[in-house]
Structure formats: C-alpha cells, structure tokens
Amino acid sequence: LSNNWRPAAFFRNIITHHHKTIDHTIMIQSTKRSILRSIHIVFGLTILGYIYGPPEEVLPYRDNFRFFFVPVILITGFWMWKGHAVRRLISKGSEPNG
C-alpha cells in the first residue's frame, strides 16, 4: 500500500458519494428488449407446433394455448410495440399536481 492511502479518507469518500443521485435502473433497455423478443419468439414457435401438429396430439394442450401461450405472445408483442407509450402514460399519471 502507498503512503497516500488512508482508510478514513477512503470510507469518507464512499459515504459522501452515497448521497449523490444514483440511477436505479436495474436493466438497460436493450436487455429488456432482448428478453421480451426471446419470449415472444419461443412462444410463437410453440404456436407453430400447435398449428402444424397432428390434431390428436395437440388437442390435450388446447387450453394451454388459449389461456397461456397466446396471451403471453400478445402482451410481449404489444409491450415491444407500444411499451414506450404505456411507460410515458404511467409516469405522467404519477406526477403530483403542482
């Protein structure tokens, strides 16, 4: 260690920097888009199996597609298409009236 290193100054810097404004973003937007896109594609591929599969094998899974796969595909597609507008509406609605 060098002579310039002092533990007290080091910890003081951490404490003073702690009070600065910190960006609380957990995930960057490109990562969110990649995750949504992957979910959308994977669930879309299952729909292809449902459409082109033999009817006697696909029939037991009919409710899964109606109530799970199709809504997930619709929600992820809508969020990728108009998610920015929904976020803007939510952020405008949470501002206090002044």
N, C-alpha and C. Protein backbone atom coordinates (compact mmCIF):
# COMPACT_ATOMS: atom_id res chain seq x y z
N LEU A 1 0.84 -1.19 0.00
CA LEU A 1 0.00 0.00 0.00
C LEU A 1 0.88 1.25 0.00
N SER A 2 0.39 2.26 -0.66
CA SER A 2 1.15 3.50 -0.69
C SER A 2 0.87 4.30 0.57
N ASN A 3 1.72 5.29 0.80
CA ASN A 3 1.56 6.13 1.98
C ASN A 3 0.35 7.06 1.85
N ASN A 4 -0.14 7.27 0.63
CA ASN A 4 -1.27 8.17 0.42
C ASN A 4 -2.61 7.52 0.74
N TRP A 5 -2.62 6.23 0.88
CA TRP A 5 -3.88 5.54 1.14
C TRP A 5 -4.21 5.62 2.60
N ARG A 6 -5.37 6.22 2.92
CA ARG A 6 -5.81 6.33 4.31
C ARG A 6 -7.21 5.76 4.39
N PRO A 7 -7.44 4.79 5.26
CA PRO A 7 -8.78 4.19 5.36
C PRO A 7 -9.86 5.20 5.69
N ALA A 8 -9.58 6.16 6.55
CA ALA A 8 -10.61 7.13 6.93
C ALA A 8 -11.06 7.95 5.72
N ALA A 9 -10.10 8.39 4.91
CA ALA A 9 -10.46 9.17 3.71
C ALA A 9 -11.21 8.31 2.71
N PHE A 10 -10.82 7.07 2.58
CA PHE A 10 -11.50 6.15 1.66
C PHE A 10 -12.95 5.97 2.05
N PHE A 11 -13.23 5.69 3.32
CA PHE A 11 -14.60 5.50 3.77
C PHE A 11 -15.39 6.80 3.74
N ARG A 12 -14.76 7.93 3.98
CA ARG A 12 -15.45 9.21 3.91
C ARG A 12 -15.92 9.46 2.48
N ASN A 13 -15.08 9.11 1.50
CA ASN A 13 -15.48 9.28 0.10
C ASN A 13 -16.67 8.40 -0.25
N ILE A 14 -16.69 7.18 0.25
CA ILE A 14 -17.83 6.29 -0.01
C ILE A 14 -19.09 6.89 0.60
N ILE A 15 -18.99 7.39 1.81
CA ILE A 15 -20.16 7.95 2.49
C ILE A 15 -20.64 9.21 1.78
N THR A 16 -19.73 10.10 1.38
CA THR A 16 -20.17 11.32 0.71
C THR A 16 -20.73 11.03 -0.67
N HIS A 17 -20.16 10.04 -1.37
CA HIS A 17 -20.68 9.69 -2.69
C HIS A 17 -22.03 8.98 -2.58
N HIS A 18 -22.31 8.42 -1.44
CA HIS A 18 -23.56 7.70 -1.25
C HIS A 18 -24.77 8.62 -1.38
N HIS A 19 -24.62 9.88 -1.05
CA HIS A 19 -25.74 10.82 -1.06
C HIS A 19 -25.99 11.45 -2.43
N LYS A 20 -25.16 11.16 -3.40
CA LYS A 20 -25.38 11.68 -4.75
C LYS A 20 -26.52 10.94 -5.41
N THR A 21 -27.10 11.54 -6.44
CA THR A 21 -28.18 10.90 -7.18
C THR A 21 -27.62 9.70 -7.93
N ILE A 22 -28.27 8.57 -7.73
CA ILE A 22 -27.84 7.33 -8.35
C ILE A 22 -28.95 6.86 -9.28
N ASP A 23 -28.55 6.43 -10.46
CA ASP A 23 -29.52 5.86 -11.40
C ASP A 23 -29.89 4.47 -10.92
N HIS A 24 -31.17 4.23 -10.61
CA HIS A 24 -31.62 2.98 -10.05
C HIS A 24 -32.10 2.01 -11.12
N THR A 25 -31.62 2.14 -12.35
CA THR A 25 -32.02 1.24 -13.41
C THR A 25 -31.39 -0.12 -13.16
N ILE A 26 -32.22 -1.14 -13.09
CA ILE A 26 -31.72 -2.48 -12.84
C ILE A 26 -31.21 -3.11 -14.13
N MET A 27 -31.95 -2.90 -15.23
CA MET A 27 -31.60 -3.48 -16.51
C MET A 27 -31.65 -2.40 -17.57
N ILE A 28 -30.72 -2.44 -18.50
CA ILE A 28 -30.78 -1.46 -19.59
C ILE A 28 -31.86 -1.88 -20.59
N GLN A 29 -32.32 -0.93 -21.37
CA GLN A 29 -33.44 -1.16 -22.27
C GLN A 29 -33.16 -2.24 -23.31
N SER A 30 -31.92 -2.31 -23.81
CA SER A 30 -31.63 -3.32 -24.83
C SER A 30 -31.74 -4.73 -24.25
N THR A 31 -31.39 -4.91 -22.98
CA THR A 31 -31.52 -6.22 -22.34
C THR A 31 -32.99 -6.58 -22.18
N LYS A 32 -33.81 -5.61 -21.79
CA LYS A 32 -35.25 -5.86 -21.66
C LYS A 32 -35.86 -6.24 -23.00
N ARG A 33 -35.47 -5.53 -24.06
CA ARG A 33 -35.99 -5.85 -25.40
C ARG A 33 -35.57 -7.24 -25.84
N SER A 34 -34.33 -7.61 -25.55
CA SER A 34 -33.85 -8.94 -25.93
C SER A 34 -34.62 -10.03 -25.21
N ILE A 35 -34.90 -9.84 -23.93
CA ILE A 35 -35.66 -10.82 -23.16
C ILE A 35 -37.08 -10.93 -23.70
N LEU A 36 -37.74 -9.80 -23.92
CA LEU A 36 -39.10 -9.82 -24.47
C LEU A 36 -39.14 -10.47 -25.85
N ARG A 37 -38.16 -10.13 -26.68
CA ARG A 37 -38.11 -10.69 -28.03
C ARG A 37 -37.93 -12.21 -27.97
N SER A 38 -37.07 -12.68 -27.07
CA SER A 38 -36.83 -14.12 -26.94
C SER A 38 -38.08 -14.85 -26.48
N ILE A 39 -38.77 -14.28 -25.49
CA ILE A 39 -40.02 -14.88 -25.00
C ILE A 39 -41.04 -14.93 -26.13
N HIS A 40 -41.15 -13.85 -26.87
CA HIS A 40 -42.11 -13.75 -27.97
C HIS A 40 -41.82 -14.81 -29.03
N ILE A 41 -40.56 -14.98 -29.39
CA ILE A 41 -40.19 -15.95 -30.43
C ILE A 41 -40.41 -17.38 -29.95
N VAL A 42 -40.00 -17.69 -28.73
CA VAL A 42 -40.15 -19.05 -28.22
C VAL A 42 -41.62 -19.44 -28.13
N PHE A 43 -42.44 -18.54 -27.62
CA PHE A 43 -43.87 -18.85 -27.50
C PHE A 43 -44.53 -18.89 -28.87
N GLY A 44 -44.03 -18.09 -29.81
CA GLY A 44 -44.55 -18.14 -31.18
C GLY A 44 -44.22 -19.46 -31.86
N LEU A 45 -43.06 -20.02 -31.57
CA LEU A 45 -42.71 -21.32 -32.14
C LEU A 45 -43.63 -22.42 -31.62
N THR A 46 -44.06 -22.31 -30.36
CA THR A 46 -44.99 -23.32 -29.84
C THR A 46 -46.33 -23.25 -30.58
N ILE A 47 -46.72 -22.07 -31.00
CA ILE A 47 -47.96 -21.93 -31.77
C ILE A 47 -47.82 -22.65 -33.11
N LEU A 48 -46.65 -22.58 -33.71
CA LEU A 48 -46.43 -23.32 -34.97
C LEU A 48 -46.61 -24.82 -34.75
N GLY A 49 -46.10 -25.33 -33.64
CA GLY A 49 -46.30 -26.73 -33.33
C GLY A 49 -47.77 -27.07 -33.14
N TYR A 50 -48.49 -26.14 -32.56
CA TYR A 50 -49.93 -26.35 -32.35
C TYR A 50 -50.68 -26.37 -33.69
N ILE A 51 -50.30 -25.49 -34.57
CA ILE A 51 -50.99 -25.40 -35.87
C ILE A 51 -50.67 -26.59 -36.76
N TYR A 52 -49.38 -26.95 -36.85
CA TYR A 52 -48.97 -27.98 -37.79
C TYR A 52 -48.86 -29.37 -37.18
N GLY A 53 -49.08 -29.52 -35.88
CA GLY A 53 -49.01 -30.82 -35.24
C GLY A 53 -50.23 -31.68 -35.53
N PRO A 54 -50.11 -32.97 -35.33
CA PRO A 54 -51.26 -33.86 -35.53
C PRO A 54 -52.37 -33.52 -34.53
N PRO A 55 -53.59 -33.37 -34.97
CA PRO A 55 -54.68 -32.93 -34.10
C PRO A 55 -54.87 -33.80 -32.85
N GLU A 56 -54.68 -35.11 -32.97
CA GLU A 56 -54.88 -35.96 -31.79
C GLU A 56 -53.81 -35.73 -30.73
N GLU A 57 -52.63 -35.25 -31.12
CA GLU A 57 -51.57 -34.96 -30.15
C GLU A 57 -51.70 -33.55 -29.58
N VAL A 58 -52.26 -32.64 -30.34
CA VAL A 58 -52.33 -31.23 -29.95
C VAL A 58 -53.57 -30.93 -29.13
N LEU A 59 -54.62 -31.68 -29.32
CA LEU A 59 -55.90 -31.41 -28.65
C LEU A 59 -55.80 -31.30 -27.12
N PRO A 60 -55.02 -32.15 -26.43
CA PRO A 60 -54.95 -32.00 -24.96
C PRO A 60 -54.33 -30.68 -24.50
N TYR A 61 -53.57 -30.01 -25.36
CA TYR A 61 -52.90 -28.77 -24.99
C TYR A 61 -53.67 -27.52 -25.42
N ARG A 62 -54.87 -27.70 -25.91
CA ARG A 62 -55.66 -26.59 -26.45
C ARG A 62 -55.84 -25.46 -25.43
N ASP A 63 -56.21 -25.80 -24.19
CA ASP A 63 -56.43 -24.75 -23.18
C ASP A 63 -55.14 -24.03 -22.80
N ASN A 64 -54.01 -24.74 -22.82
CA ASN A 64 -52.73 -24.07 -22.55
C ASN A 64 -52.46 -22.97 -23.57
N PHE A 65 -52.77 -23.27 -24.82
CA PHE A 65 -52.56 -22.27 -25.86
C PHE A 65 -53.54 -21.12 -25.74
N ARG A 66 -54.77 -21.41 -25.44
CA ARG A 66 -55.79 -20.35 -25.33
C ARG A 66 -55.52 -19.40 -24.18
N PHE A 67 -55.16 -19.95 -23.03
CA PHE A 67 -55.11 -19.14 -21.82
C PHE A 67 -53.71 -18.79 -21.36
N PHE A 68 -52.68 -19.34 -21.98
CA PHE A 68 -51.32 -19.02 -21.55
C PHE A 68 -50.45 -18.52 -22.70
N PHE A 69 -50.26 -19.36 -23.74
CA PHE A 69 -49.32 -19.00 -24.80
C PHE A 69 -49.77 -17.79 -25.60
N VAL A 70 -51.01 -17.77 -26.04
CA VAL A 70 -51.50 -16.65 -26.86
C VAL A 70 -51.50 -15.33 -26.07
N PRO A 71 -51.97 -15.30 -24.81
CA PRO A 71 -51.88 -14.03 -24.08
C PRO A 71 -50.44 -13.55 -23.86
N VAL A 72 -49.51 -14.48 -23.62
CA VAL A 72 -48.11 -14.06 -23.44
C VAL A 72 -47.57 -13.48 -24.74
N ILE A 73 -47.89 -14.10 -25.86
CA ILE A 73 -47.45 -13.57 -27.16
C ILE A 73 -48.05 -12.19 -27.40
N LEU A 74 -49.33 -12.02 -27.10
CA LEU A 74 -49.97 -10.72 -27.30
C LEU A 74 -49.38 -9.65 -26.39
N ILE A 75 -49.17 -9.98 -25.13
CA ILE A 75 -48.64 -8.99 -24.18
C ILE A 75 -47.21 -8.60 -24.54
N THR A 76 -46.35 -9.58 -24.84
CA THR A 76 -44.97 -9.23 -25.20
C THR A 76 -44.92 -8.45 -26.50
N GLY A 77 -45.74 -8.84 -27.47
CA GLY A 77 -45.76 -8.10 -28.73
C GLY A 77 -46.26 -6.68 -28.55
N PHE A 78 -47.32 -6.52 -27.78
CA PHE A 78 -47.83 -5.18 -27.52
C PHE A 78 -46.81 -4.35 -26.75
N TRP A 79 -46.13 -4.97 -25.78
CA TRP A 79 -45.16 -4.21 -24.98
C TRP A 79 -43.97 -3.79 -25.83
N MET A 80 -43.54 -4.65 -26.76
CA MET A 80 -42.43 -4.26 -27.65
C MET A 80 -42.87 -3.18 -28.61
N TRP A 81 -44.13 -3.19 -29.00
CA TRP A 81 -44.63 -2.21 -29.96
C TRP A 81 -44.94 -0.87 -29.30
N LYS A 82 -45.71 -0.87 -28.21
CA LYS A 82 -46.18 0.36 -27.61
C LYS A 82 -45.79 0.52 -26.14
N GLY A 83 -44.78 -0.20 -25.69
CA GLY A 83 -44.37 -0.11 -24.29
C GLY A 83 -43.90 1.28 -23.90
N HIS A 84 -43.24 1.97 -24.82
CA HIS A 84 -42.78 3.32 -24.52
C HIS A 84 -43.95 4.26 -24.23
N ALA A 85 -45.04 4.11 -24.94
CA ALA A 85 -46.21 4.97 -24.72
C ALA A 85 -46.88 4.64 -23.38
N VAL A 86 -46.93 3.36 -23.03
CA VAL A 86 -47.53 2.96 -21.74
C VAL A 86 -46.69 3.50 -20.59
N ARG A 87 -45.36 3.38 -20.71
CA ARG A 87 -44.48 3.91 -19.65
C ARG A 87 -44.64 5.42 -19.52
N ARG A 88 -44.80 6.11 -20.64
CA ARG A 88 -44.97 7.56 -20.60
C ARG A 88 -46.29 7.93 -19.90
N LEU A 89 -47.36 7.18 -20.20
CA LEU A 89 -48.65 7.45 -19.54
C LEU A 89 -48.57 7.18 -18.04
N ILE A 90 -47.88 6.10 -17.67
CA ILE A 90 -47.75 5.77 -16.25
C ILE A 90 -46.94 6.84 -15.53
N SER A 91 -45.85 7.31 -16.14
CA SER A 91 -45.01 8.31 -15.48
C SER A 91 -45.72 9.66 -15.39
N LYS A 92 -46.55 10.01 -16.37
CA LYS A 92 -47.32 11.26 -16.30
C LYS A 92 -48.38 11.18 -15.22
N GLY A 93 -48.99 10.02 -15.04
CA GLY A 93 -50.02 9.84 -14.05
C GLY A 93 -49.50 9.85 -12.62
N SER A 94 -48.19 9.57 -12.43
CA SER A 94 -47.65 9.52 -11.07
C SER A 94 -47.07 10.86 -10.62
N GLU A 95 -47.04 11.87 -11.50
CA GLU A 95 -46.53 13.17 -11.11
C GLU A 95 -47.56 13.90 -10.24
N PRO A 96 -47.08 14.54 -9.16
CA PRO A 96 -48.02 15.30 -8.32
C PRO A 96 -48.49 16.57 -9.03
N ASN A 97 -49.72 16.96 -8.77
CA ASN A 97 -50.25 18.18 -9.36
C ASN A 97 -49.63 19.36 -8.67
N GLY A 98 -49.16 20.31 -9.44
CA GLY A 98 -48.47 21.41 -8.80
C GLY A 98 -48.89 22.66 -9.36
